[in-house]
């Protein structure tokens, strides 16, 4: 049985122009699309998936070097106190 996920995707420039959205769906599913040109299908470009951005750790400015910031479960602030900060 053929695993179609392993078959390389090659597309002519005109095909990519017409159906870029469809090729981007393939890329979002982890596939690589090679764009080829001419009768000899010379590869000229490749569209590859990128890694999603890593989540950044929140930085509390100058306090970041002094340890983690922890709020108590019973910590409360009214809207008026918050607005007047």
Protein backbone atom coordinates (compact mmCIF):
# COMPACT_ATOMS: atom_id res chain seq x y z
CA UNK A 1 0.00 0.00 0.00
CA UNK A 2 1.39 3.41 -0.95
CA UNK A 3 1.74 6.01 1.78
CA UNK A 4 0.79 9.22 -0.02
CA UNK A 5 2.28 11.35 2.77
CA UNK A 6 5.76 10.18 1.74
CA UNK A 7 5.38 11.09 -1.95
CA UNK A 8 7.23 14.35 -2.67
CA UNK A 9 5.05 17.13 -3.98
CA UNK A 10 6.36 18.88 -7.10
CA UNK A 11 4.46 21.64 -8.84
CA UNK A 12 5.10 23.84 -11.85
CA UNK A 13 5.18 27.59 -11.23
CA UNK A 14 1.83 28.05 -13.02
CA UNK A 15 0.21 25.36 -10.85
CA UNK A 16 1.41 27.07 -7.69
CA UNK A 17 0.08 30.42 -8.92
CA UNK A 18 -3.36 28.89 -9.50
CA UNK A 19 -3.63 26.83 -6.32
CA UNK A 20 -1.32 28.36 -3.73
CA UNK A 21 -3.88 27.94 -0.95
CA UNK A 22 -4.12 24.19 -1.59
CA UNK A 23 -0.34 23.83 -1.51
CA UNK A 24 -0.18 25.80 1.74
CA UNK A 25 -2.65 23.33 3.26
CA UNK A 26 -0.24 20.53 2.32
CA UNK A 27 2.63 22.43 3.91
CA UNK A 28 0.63 23.06 7.08
CA UNK A 29 0.19 19.27 7.32
CA UNK A 30 3.97 18.82 7.35
CA UNK A 31 4.60 18.22 3.65
CA UNK A 32 7.23 19.95 1.54
CA UNK A 33 6.35 21.41 -1.86
CA UNK A 34 9.10 21.76 -4.46
CA UNK A 35 8.44 24.32 -7.17
CA UNK A 36 9.89 23.28 -10.53
CA UNK A 37 10.35 25.16 -13.78
CA UNK A 38 10.44 24.15 -17.43
CA UNK A 39 10.19 20.86 -19.31
CA UNK A 40 13.07 19.39 -17.36
CA UNK A 41 11.32 20.26 -14.09
CA UNK A 42 14.34 22.02 -12.62
CA UNK A 43 13.75 22.73 -8.91
CA UNK A 44 13.84 26.46 -8.21
CA UNK A 45 12.25 26.80 -4.78
CA UNK A 46 10.88 24.81 -1.88
CA UNK A 47 8.02 25.60 0.50
CA UNK A 48 8.62 23.93 3.86
CA UNK A 49 6.69 23.95 7.14
CA UNK A 50 8.10 26.08 9.91
CA UNK A 51 8.17 25.30 13.61
CA UNK A 52 5.52 27.14 15.58
CA UNK A 53 6.89 29.98 17.68
CA UNK A 54 7.91 28.98 21.18
CA UNK A 55 5.91 30.43 24.03
CA UNK A 56 7.80 33.19 25.73
CA UNK A 57 8.20 33.31 29.45
CA UNK A 58 6.77 36.50 30.93
CA UNK A 59 9.42 38.93 32.06
CA UNK A 60 8.57 41.27 34.89
CA UNK A 61 11.33 43.75 34.06
CA UNK A 62 13.84 44.36 36.82
CA UNK A 63 12.14 41.86 39.10
CA UNK A 64 12.89 38.92 36.82
CA UNK A 65 16.29 38.31 38.42
CA UNK A 66 14.80 38.21 41.93
CA UNK A 67 12.77 35.03 41.53
CA UNK A 68 9.27 34.11 40.49
CA UNK A 69 6.24 36.31 41.12
CA UNK A 70 3.54 34.42 43.01
CA UNK A 71 0.10 35.78 43.86
CA UNK A 72 -1.72 34.41 46.90
CA UNK A 73 -5.06 32.70 46.31
CA UNK A 74 -6.82 35.29 48.48
CA UNK A 75 -5.19 38.28 46.74
CA UNK A 76 -7.79 40.79 45.62
CA UNK A 77 -7.81 44.21 44.02
CA UNK A 78 -10.85 46.30 43.30
CA UNK A 79 -11.33 47.97 39.94
CA UNK A 80 -10.90 51.37 41.60
CA UNK A 81 -7.55 50.32 43.10
CA UNK A 82 -6.45 48.99 39.71
CA UNK A 83 -7.45 52.18 37.86
CA UNK A 84 -5.62 54.39 40.40
CA UNK A 85 -2.31 52.56 40.13
